[in-house]
């Protein structure tokens, strides 16, 4: 499969990817490729398989058919800890560890035997609009602030791919707009590849040039977001 842009190397490729559990098909025959810096929205009705497909992309769930290639290598040959570092996930409701913001940001680096310098912590927090929050207890954060910390924690791992599962659905409208702008800025600044699952079609059009439309576990359309969502 060629990269849709034809000018950048393929970073992530799903090939005949599927998952079936107790006879129920969650994802079937998913095929698509993402280049470096691509931004892709996965849309579709509830139960279409959007989140199930996203979870297969970093092996949070195991495929029962097909596989994913990361930088040309079957991701089953990559140690899970390394894969999760390079392919980061931000969920709908951020799960933060008890303690400070700094403790959360240091979790990933500590798995590799290092601790973030204070300057690096502050730089990460400034990128997500939380300058001065390093010593803040996560229990005191608003929903929007917690989601920003979740994003910063993923960035602290030097992720190459960012997977976002309905990242703003639990936020109020003002926080949603702020997080969208933040994601757009960070993805471009860091030249990340990004996949976002969203039920909000207007959001998909705002953040992603390309979209997949899913129905009953299958990809039924793949192309420019405006065309896919208006078909």
Foldseek 3Di string as FASTA:
>chain_A
DAEPVNPADWFKWFAQWWADDPNATLAGGDTDTHGFLAEEEEEEDPSLNLVVVLCQRLPVDDTPDTAMAGSNHGCVPPPSLVSCLQADEQEQQGDADWAFLLVLLQPSVVVVPDHDDPVRVQVLCVLLPRHPRRRPTPVPDDRLVSSSSSVSSSVSSVYQEYEYENNPPVDDPVSSVSVLVSVQVVCVVSRHYYYYYDHDLVSSLVRHQWYFYGGSNYGPDTDGSVVVVVD
